[in-house]
Amino acid sequence: MSPLIGLTAITKTYGSGTAAFRALRGVDLAVDEGEFVAVMGPSGSGKSTVMNLIGLLDTPTSGRYDFRGVDVTGLTRDQRALLRRRHIGFVFQGFHLLARTSAQENVELPLLYRGEGAKARHEHARRALAQVGLEGWEHHTPAELSGGQQQRVAIARAIVTEPTLLLADEPTGNLDSERGREIMGLLAALNREHGITVLMVTHEPEMAAYARRTVRFKDGLIAGDELAAGTAAVGA
């Protein structure tokens, strides 16, 4: 069976001539459905670039990207946007919530963009908020929520479309240690109980320990790829 994500000889160069910067230098990476992978590396190592490519927010300079066995490298901008809306959820370090909008309305936004009716939006948003432990907080605005609760709303917004893949970029970066552990426990539960594949960029070893696999980047290449102790390979 094909992996969910397959990167083959992926390169990404920004600029040209003497100003060219090779952010990725030939990356091969396979991620199976249902995995929880932490992506680590120093600034400029290529970890954020590869996440943007996997999330179809950018395109590679060369190489091939397969999503569920289909080459998506040559998709148009509109086709990439459609694939993102249907299959990929995003969680960022900044919560990116609309300030004067309730938690439920924030979570409904992806469904609104997909053209779903009000009744379906309300039901799905309430269910997603309950999944992240915010039942009863639907009508609170971000100003009435703690940082951890705001990140939970952001995660609910990311999973309300029932994505195949959740991309998390430093999801605990704006949180204290206790709230960070709560969010990581939530991501681990979504992976374990709902089968959502999670790829997470982090610089914190404590947070990476929640993942079952850690991929380390250095100078635009994969420098390490390790399973957590006691973890069997997916599909083994």
C-alpha atoms as a PDB file:
ATOM      1  CA  MET A   1       0.000   0.000   0.000  1.00  0.00           C
ATOM      2  CA  SER A   2       1.291   3.467  -0.859  1.00  0.00           C
ATOM      3  CA  PRO A   3       2.263   5.779   1.986  1.00  0.00           C
ATOM      4  CA  LEU A   4       0.050   8.766   2.691  1.00  0.00           C
ATOM      5  CA  ILE A   5       2.963  11.099   1.909  1.00  0.00           C
ATOM      6  CA  GLY A   6       5.822  10.236  -0.412  1.00  0.00           C
ATOM      7  CA  LEU A   7       8.567  12.736  -1.180  1.00  0.00           C
ATOM      8  CA  THR A   8      11.174  11.717  -3.744  1.00  0.00           C
ATOM      9  CA  ALA A   9      14.330  13.764  -4.433  1.00  0.00           C
ATOM     10  CA  ILE A  10      12.553  16.985  -3.396  1.00  0.00           C
ATOM     11  CA  THR A  11      14.521  20.197  -3.793  1.00  0.00           C
ATOM     12  CA  LYS A  12      13.529  23.792  -3.114  1.00  0.00           C
ATOM     13  CA  THR A  13      15.598  26.780  -4.167  1.00  0.00           C
ATOM     14  CA  TYR A  14      14.710  30.380  -3.398  1.00  0.00           C
ATOM     15  CA  GLY A  15      16.139  33.144  -5.573  1.00  0.00           C
ATOM     16  CA  SER A  16      18.563  32.674  -8.456  1.00  0.00           C
ATOM     17  CA  GLY A  17      22.172  33.167  -9.393  1.00  0.00           C
ATOM     18  CA  THR A  18      24.533  34.168  -6.610  1.00  0.00           C
ATOM     19  CA  ALA A  19      21.528  34.965  -4.376  1.00  0.00           C
ATOM     20  CA  ALA A  20      20.072  31.444  -4.668  1.00  0.00           C
ATOM     21  CA  PHE A  21      19.400  29.587  -1.419  1.00  0.00           C
ATOM     22  CA  ARG A  22      18.883  25.823  -1.499  1.00  0.00           C
ATOM     23  CA  ALA A  23      16.425  25.207   1.322  1.00  0.00           C
ATOM     24  CA  LEU A  24      15.975  21.513   0.421  1.00  0.00           C
ATOM     25  CA  ARG A  25      18.684  19.501  -1.321  1.00  0.00           C
ATOM     26  CA  GLY A  26      17.060  16.226  -2.317  1.00  0.00           C
ATOM     27  CA  VAL A  27      14.701  14.978   0.386  1.00  0.00           C
ATOM     28  CA  ASP A  28      13.213  11.481   0.389  1.00  0.00           C
ATOM     29  CA  LEU A  29      10.497  10.938   2.995  1.00  0.00           C
ATOM     30  CA  ALA A  30       7.587   8.524   3.382  1.00  0.00           C
ATOM     31  CA  VAL A  31       4.863   8.884   6.013  1.00  0.00           C
ATOM     32  CA  ASP A  32       2.218   6.204   6.422  1.00  0.00           C
ATOM     33  CA  GLU A  33      -1.383   6.947   7.293  1.00  0.00           C
ATOM     34  CA  GLY A  34      -1.881   7.004  11.048  1.00  0.00           C
ATOM     35  CA  GLU A  35       1.654   8.019  11.995  1.00  0.00           C
ATOM     36  CA  PHE A  36       2.567  10.781  14.465  1.00  0.00           C
ATOM     37  CA  VAL A  37       5.844  12.334  13.305  1.00  0.00           C
ATOM     38  CA  ALA A  38       7.852  15.107  14.953  1.00  0.00           C
ATOM     39  CA  VAL A  39      10.028  17.166  12.587  1.00  0.00           C
ATOM     40  CA  MET A  40      13.015  18.797  14.246  1.00  0.00           C
ATOM     41  CA  GLY A  41      16.114  20.759  13.259  1.00  0.00           C
ATOM     42  CA  PRO A  42      17.838  24.123  13.718  1.00  0.00           C
ATOM     43  CA  SER A  43      16.646  27.325  12.035  1.00  0.00           C
ATOM     44  CA  GLY A  44      17.303  27.156   8.301  1.00  0.00           C
ATOM     45  CA  SER A  45      17.479  23.358   8.257  1.00  0.00           C
ATOM     46  CA  GLY A  46      14.527  22.966   5.884  1.00  0.00           C
ATOM     47  CA  LYS A  47      11.913  21.631   8.303  1.00  0.00           C
ATOM     48  CA  SER A  48       9.409  24.461   7.782  1.00  0.00           C
ATOM     49  CA  THR A  49       9.994  24.433   4.025  1.00  0.00           C
ATOM     50  CA  VAL A  50       9.172  20.741   3.775  1.00  0.00           C
ATOM     51  CA  MET A  51       6.031  21.235   5.877  1.00  0.00           C
ATOM     52  CA  ASN A  52       4.875  24.019   3.542  1.00  0.00           C
ATOM     53  CA  LEU A  53       5.410  21.709   0.572  1.00  0.00           C
ATOM     54  CA  ILE A  54       3.546  18.841   2.226  1.00  0.00           C
ATOM     55  CA  GLY A  55       0.711  21.246   3.089  1.00  0.00           C
ATOM     56  CA  LEU A  56       0.559  22.363  -0.561  1.00  0.00           C
ATOM     57  CA  LEU A  57       1.271  25.954   0.453  1.00  0.00           C
ATOM     58  CA  ASP A  58       4.326  25.911  -1.824  1.00  0.00           C
ATOM     59  CA  THR A  59       5.695  23.819  -4.687  1.00  0.00           C
ATOM     60  CA  PRO A  60       9.098  22.125  -5.002  1.00  0.00           C
ATOM     61  CA  THR A  61      11.761  23.221  -7.454  1.00  0.00           C
ATOM     62  CA  SER A  62      12.250  19.600  -8.488  1.00  0.00           C
ATOM     63  CA  GLY A  63      11.309  16.121  -7.360  1.00  0.00           C
ATOM     64  CA  ARG A  64       8.008  14.351  -6.855  1.00  0.00           C
ATOM     65  CA  TYR A  65       5.358  14.567  -4.119  1.00  0.00           C
ATOM     66  CA  ASP A  66       2.775  11.797  -3.932  1.00  0.00           C
ATOM     67  CA  PHE A  67      -0.290  12.089  -1.706  1.00  0.00           C
ATOM     68  CA  ARG A  68      -2.057   8.748  -1.305  1.00  0.00           C
ATOM     69  CA  GLY A  69      -0.185   7.470  -4.355  1.00  0.00           C
ATOM     70  CA  VAL A  70      -1.166  10.377  -6.604  1.00  0.00           C
ATOM     71  CA  ASP A  71       1.506  12.749  -7.944  1.00  0.00           C
ATOM     72  CA  VAL A  72       0.386  16.207  -6.804  1.00  0.00           C
ATOM     73  CA  THR A  73       3.523  18.058  -7.942  1.00  0.00           C
ATOM     74  CA  GLY A  74       1.924  19.357 -11.100  1.00  0.00           C
ATOM     75  CA  LEU A  75      -1.456  20.387  -9.695  1.00  0.00           C
ATOM     76  CA  THR A  76      -2.786  23.843 -10.439  1.00  0.00           C
ATOM     77  CA  ARG A  77      -3.228  26.396  -7.654  1.00  0.00           C
ATOM     78  CA  ASP A  78      -6.976  25.688  -7.543  1.00  0.00           C
ATOM     79  CA  GLN A  79      -6.435  21.935  -7.437  1.00  0.00           C
ATOM     80  CA  ARG A  80      -3.961  22.292  -4.569  1.00  0.00           C
ATOM     81  CA  ALA A  81      -6.448  24.467  -2.672  1.00  0.00           C
ATOM     82  CA  LEU A  82      -9.191  21.862  -3.153  1.00  0.00           C
ATOM     83  CA  LEU A  83      -6.929  19.074  -1.894  1.00  0.00           C
ATOM     84  CA  ARG A  84      -5.977  21.153   1.147  1.00  0.00           C
ATOM     85  CA  ARG A  85      -9.608  21.869   2.034  1.00  0.00           C
ATOM     86  CA  ARG A  86     -10.578  18.212   1.766  1.00  0.00           C
ATOM     87  CA  HIS A  87      -7.627  16.452   3.357  1.00  0.00           C
ATOM     88  CA  ILE A  88      -5.304  18.733   5.359  1.00  0.00           C
ATOM     89  CA  GLY A  89      -5.749  20.662   8.604  1.00  0.00           C
ATOM     90  CA  PHE A  90      -3.280  23.248   9.952  1.00  0.00           C
ATOM     91  CA  VAL A  91      -2.340  24.284  13.489  1.00  0.00           C
ATOM     92  CA  PHE A  92       0.154  27.119  13.973  1.00  0.00           C
ATOM     93  CA  GLN A  93       2.131  28.635  16.850  1.00  0.00           C
ATOM     94  CA  GLY A  94      -0.099  31.706  16.619  1.00  0.00           C
ATOM     95  CA  PHE A  95      -3.743  30.812  17.086  1.00  0.00           C
ATOM     96  CA  HIS A  96      -5.031  33.031  14.237  1.00  0.00           C
ATOM     97  CA  LEU A  97      -8.535  33.295  15.679  1.00  0.00           C
ATOM     98  CA  LEU A  98     -10.924  36.084  14.727  1.00  0.00           C
ATOM     99  CA  ALA A  99     -11.002  38.305  17.815  1.00  0.00           C
ATOM    100  CA  ARG A 100     -14.671  39.334  17.834  1.00  0.00           C
ATOM    101  CA  THR A 101     -15.963  35.941  16.762  1.00  0.00           C
ATOM    102  CA  SER A 102     -17.099  33.127  19.048  1.00  0.00           C
ATOM    103  CA  ALA A 103     -15.226  29.853  19.366  1.00  0.00           C
ATOM    104  CA  GLN A 104     -17.945  28.075  17.410  1.00  0.00           C
ATOM    105  CA  GLU A 105     -17.912  30.629  14.602  1.00  0.00           C
ATOM    106  CA  ASN A 106     -14.115  30.384  14.374  1.00  0.00           C
ATOM    107  CA  VAL A 107     -14.341  26.619  14.068  1.00  0.00           C
ATOM    108  CA  GLU A 108     -17.063  26.883  11.422  1.00  0.00           C
ATOM    109  CA  LEU A 109     -14.915  28.948   9.045  1.00  0.00           C
ATOM    110  CA  PRO A 110     -13.431  26.045   7.011  1.00  0.00           C
ATOM    111  CA  LEU A 111     -16.935  24.656   6.532  1.00  0.00           C
ATOM    112  CA  LEU A 112     -18.192  28.052   5.432  1.00  0.00           C
ATOM    113  CA  TYR A 113     -15.457  28.158   2.778  1.00  0.00           C
ATOM    114  CA  ARG A 114     -16.599  24.725   1.610  1.00  0.00           C
ATOM    115  CA  GLY A 115     -20.148  26.017   1.205  1.00  0.00           C
ATOM    116  CA  GLU A 116     -21.820  23.861   3.871  1.00  0.00           C
ATOM    117  CA  GLY A 117     -25.187  24.943   5.243  1.00  0.00           C
ATOM    118  CA  ALA A 118     -25.634  26.595   8.632  1.00  0.00           C
ATOM    119  CA  LYS A 119     -27.154  23.569  10.375  1.00  0.00           C
ATOM    120  CA  ALA A 120     -24.335  21.239   9.298  1.00  0.00           C
ATOM    121  CA  ARG A 121     -21.709  23.847  10.229  1.00  0.00           C
ATOM    122  CA  HIS A 122     -23.158  24.267  13.719  1.00  0.00           C
ATOM    123  CA  GLU A 123     -23.317  20.506  14.351  1.00  0.00           C
ATOM    124  CA  HIS A 124     -19.802  19.790  13.093  1.00  0.00           C
ATOM    125  CA  ALA A 125     -18.301  22.736  14.994  1.00  0.00           C
ATOM    126  CA  ARG A 126     -19.927  21.726  18.279  1.00  0.00           C
ATOM    127  CA  ARG A 127     -18.689  18.166  17.795  1.00  0.00           C
ATOM    128  CA  ALA A 128     -15.135  19.339  17.065  1.00  0.00           C
ATOM    129  CA  LEU A 129     -15.123  21.607  20.135  1.00  0.00           C
ATOM    130  CA  ALA A 130     -16.307  18.703  22.263  1.00  0.00           C
ATOM    131  CA  GLN A 131     -13.481  16.554  20.864  1.00  0.00           C
ATOM    132  CA  VAL A 132     -10.924  19.069  22.169  1.00  0.00           C
ATOM    133  CA  GLY A 133     -12.586  19.410  25.563  1.00  0.00           C
ATOM    134  CA  LEU A 134     -14.405  22.724  25.016  1.00  0.00           C
ATOM    135  CA  GLU A 135     -18.025  21.661  25.253  1.00  0.00           C
ATOM    136  CA  GLY A 136     -19.901  24.565  26.835  1.00  0.00           C
ATOM    137  CA  TRP A 137     -17.412  27.175  25.572  1.00  0.00           C
ATOM    138  CA  GLU A 138     -18.922  27.548  22.099  1.00  0.00           C
ATOM    139  CA  HIS A 139     -20.039  31.171  22.535  1.00  0.00           C
ATOM    140  CA  HIS A 140     -16.911  32.563  24.200  1.00  0.00           C
ATOM    141  CA  THR A 141     -14.668  34.902  22.220  1.00  0.00           C
ATOM    142  CA  PRO A 142     -10.866  34.467  22.179  1.00  0.00           C
ATOM    143  CA  ALA A 143     -10.491  37.273  24.752  1.00  0.00           C
ATOM    144  CA  GLU A 144     -12.527  35.157  27.177  1.00  0.00           C
ATOM    145  CA  LEU A 145     -10.307  32.089  26.709  1.00  0.00           C
ATOM    146  CA  SER A 146      -6.871  31.163  28.045  1.00  0.00           C
ATOM    147  CA  GLY A 147      -3.974  30.554  25.674  1.00  0.00           C
ATOM    148  CA  GLY A 148      -4.431  26.805  25.969  1.00  0.00           C
ATOM    149  CA  GLN A 149      -8.145  27.109  25.258  1.00  0.00           C
ATOM    150  CA  GLN A 150      -7.454  29.307  22.226  1.00  0.00           C
ATOM    151  CA  GLN A 151      -5.099  26.657  20.837  1.00  0.00           C
ATOM    152  CA  ARG A 152      -7.810  24.051  21.435  1.00  0.00           C
ATOM    153  CA  VAL A 153     -10.192  26.170  19.358  1.00  0.00           C
ATOM    154  CA  ALA A 154      -7.531  26.358  16.636  1.00  0.00           C
ATOM    155  CA  ILE A 155      -7.168  22.563  16.723  1.00  0.00           C
ATOM    156  CA  ALA A 156     -10.957  22.137  16.568  1.00  0.00           C
ATOM    157  CA  ARG A 157     -10.976  24.405  13.509  1.00  0.00           C
ATOM    158  CA  ALA A 158      -8.255  22.232  11.940  1.00  0.00           C
ATOM    159  CA  ILE A 159     -10.118  18.941  12.523  1.00  0.00           C
ATOM    160  CA  VAL A 160     -13.701  20.093  11.851  1.00  0.00           C
ATOM    161  CA  THR A 161     -13.352  19.028   8.205  1.00  0.00           C
ATOM    162  CA  GLU A 162     -12.213  15.548   9.343  1.00  0.00           C
ATOM    163  CA  PRO A 163      -8.824  15.824   7.622  1.00  0.00           C
ATOM    164  CA  THR A 164      -6.584  12.910   6.741  1.00  0.00           C
ATOM    165  CA  LEU A 165      -3.493  14.875   7.736  1.00  0.00           C
ATOM    166  CA  LEU A 166      -2.909  17.435  10.491  1.00  0.00           C
ATOM    167  CA  LEU A 167       0.139  19.708  10.121  1.00  0.00           C
ATOM    168  CA  ALA A 168       1.174  21.417  13.359  1.00  0.00           C
ATOM    169  CA  ASP A 169       3.893  24.094  13.278  1.00  0.00           C
ATOM    170  CA  GLU A 170       5.275  24.742  16.796  1.00  0.00           C
ATOM    171  CA  PRO A 171       1.767  24.231  18.288  1.00  0.00           C
ATOM    172  CA  THR A 172       2.995  24.768  21.865  1.00  0.00           C
ATOM    173  CA  GLY A 173       5.363  27.653  21.138  1.00  0.00           C
ATOM    174  CA  ASN A 174       3.122  30.309  22.725  1.00  0.00           C
ATOM    175  CA  LEU A 175       2.117  28.212  25.745  1.00  0.00           C
ATOM    176  CA  ASP A 176       3.607  27.509  29.157  1.00  0.00           C
ATOM    177  CA  SER A 177       4.852  23.992  29.891  1.00  0.00           C
ATOM    178  CA  GLU A 178       1.650  22.735  31.520  1.00  0.00           C
ATOM    179  CA  ARG A 179      -0.607  24.028  28.739  1.00  0.00           C
ATOM    180  CA  GLY A 180       1.876  22.699  26.191  1.00  0.00           C
ATOM    181  CA  ARG A 181       1.642  19.208  27.644  1.00  0.00           C
ATOM    182  CA  GLU A 182      -2.155  19.427  27.542  1.00  0.00           C
ATOM    183  CA  ILE A 183      -2.079  20.317  23.836  1.00  0.00           C
ATOM    184  CA  MET A 184       0.391  17.527  23.071  1.00  0.00           C
ATOM    185  CA  GLY A 185      -1.796  15.049  24.921  1.00  0.00           C
ATOM    186  CA  LEU A 186      -4.713  16.210  22.803  1.00  0.00           C
ATOM    187  CA  LEU A 187      -2.779  15.800  19.531  1.00  0.00           C
ATOM    188  CA  ALA A 188      -1.647  12.333  20.615  1.00  0.00           C
ATOM    189  CA  ALA A 189      -5.253  11.379  21.398  1.00  0.00           C
ATOM    190  CA  LEU A 190      -6.496  12.624  18.031  1.00  0.00           C
ATOM    191  CA  ASN A 191      -3.832  10.515  16.372  1.00  0.00           C
ATOM    192  CA  ARG A 192      -4.441   7.438  18.508  1.00  0.00           C
ATOM    193  CA  GLU A 193      -8.230   7.486  18.792  1.00  0.00           C
ATOM    194  CA  HIS A 194      -9.273   9.045  15.487  1.00  0.00           C
ATOM    195  CA  GLY A 195      -6.470   7.886  13.203  1.00  0.00           C
ATOM    196  CA  ILE A 196      -5.482  11.393  12.102  1.00  0.00           C
ATOM    197  CA  THR A 197      -1.940  11.463  10.733  1.00  0.00           C
ATOM    198  CA  VAL A 198       0.030  14.185  12.539  1.00  0.00           C
ATOM    199  CA  LEU A 199       3.200  15.922  11.359  1.00  0.00           C
ATOM    200  CA  MET A 200       4.502  18.418  13.861  1.00  0.00           C
ATOM    201  CA  VAL A 201       7.416  20.846  13.662  1.00  0.00           C
ATOM    202  CA  THR A 202       8.910  21.495  17.084  1.00  0.00           C
ATOM    203  CA  HIS A 203      12.225  22.503  18.635  1.00  0.00           C
ATOM    204  CA  GLU A 204      11.270  21.112  22.050  1.00  0.00           C
ATOM    205  CA  PRO A 205      12.445  17.538  22.774  1.00  0.00           C
ATOM    206  CA  GLU A 206       9.806  17.224  25.515  1.00  0.00           C
ATOM    207  CA  MET A 207       7.041  17.822  22.972  1.00  0.00           C
ATOM    208  CA  ALA A 208       8.683  15.668  20.287  1.00  0.00           C
ATOM    209  CA  ALA A 209       8.605  12.777  22.771  1.00  0.00           C
ATOM    210  CA  TYR A 210       4.824  12.553  22.274  1.00  0.00           C
ATOM    211  CA  ALA A 211       5.396  11.507  18.658  1.00  0.00           C
ATOM    212  CA  ARG A 212       6.091   7.934  17.649  1.00  0.00           C
ATOM    213  CA  ARG A 213       8.750   8.949  15.121  1.00  0.00           C
ATOM    214  CA  THR A 214      11.212  11.836  14.887  1.00  0.00           C
ATOM    215  CA  VAL A 215      12.693  13.130  11.618  1.00  0.00           C
ATOM    216  CA  ARG A 216      15.640  15.510  11.991  1.00  0.00           C
ATOM    217  CA  PHE A 217      16.653  18.018   9.330  1.00  0.00           C
ATOM    218  CA  LYS A 218      20.052  19.638   8.839  1.00  0.00           C
ATOM    219  CA  ASP A 219      21.234  21.808   5.947  1.00  0.00           C
ATOM    220  CA  GLY A 220      18.267  20.926   3.732  1.00  0.00           C
ATOM    221  CA  LEU A 221      18.591  17.172   4.158  1.00  0.00           C
ATOM    222  CA  ILE A 222      17.230  14.527   6.508  1.00  0.00           C
ATOM    223  CA  ALA A 223      19.948  13.869   9.074  1.00  0.00           C
ATOM    224  CA  GLY A 224      18.032  11.339  11.176  1.00  0.00           C
ATOM    225  CA  ASP A 225      14.816   9.319  11.190  1.00  0.00           C
ATOM    226  CA  GLU A 226      14.061   7.363  14.350  1.00  0.00           C
ATOM    227  CA  LEU A 227      11.129   5.498  15.858  1.00  0.00           C
ATOM    228  CA  ALA A 228      10.427   6.083  19.534  1.00  0.00           C
ATOM    229  CA  ALA A 229      11.559   3.287  21.810  1.00  0.00           C
ATOM    230  CA  GLY A 230       9.013   0.496  21.881  1.00  0.00           C
ATOM    231  CA  THR A 231       7.193   1.739  18.769  1.00  0.00           C
ATOM    232  CA  ALA A 232       6.507  -0.698  15.956  1.00  0.00           C
ATOM    233  CA  ALA A 233       6.660   0.592  12.403  1.00  0.00           C
ATOM    234  CA  VAL A 234       3.241   1.409  10.959  1.00  0.00           C
ATOM    235  CA  GLY A 235       2.046  -1.436   8.795  1.00  0.00           C
ATOM    236  CA  ALA A 236       4.564  -3.876  10.295  1.00  0.00           C
END
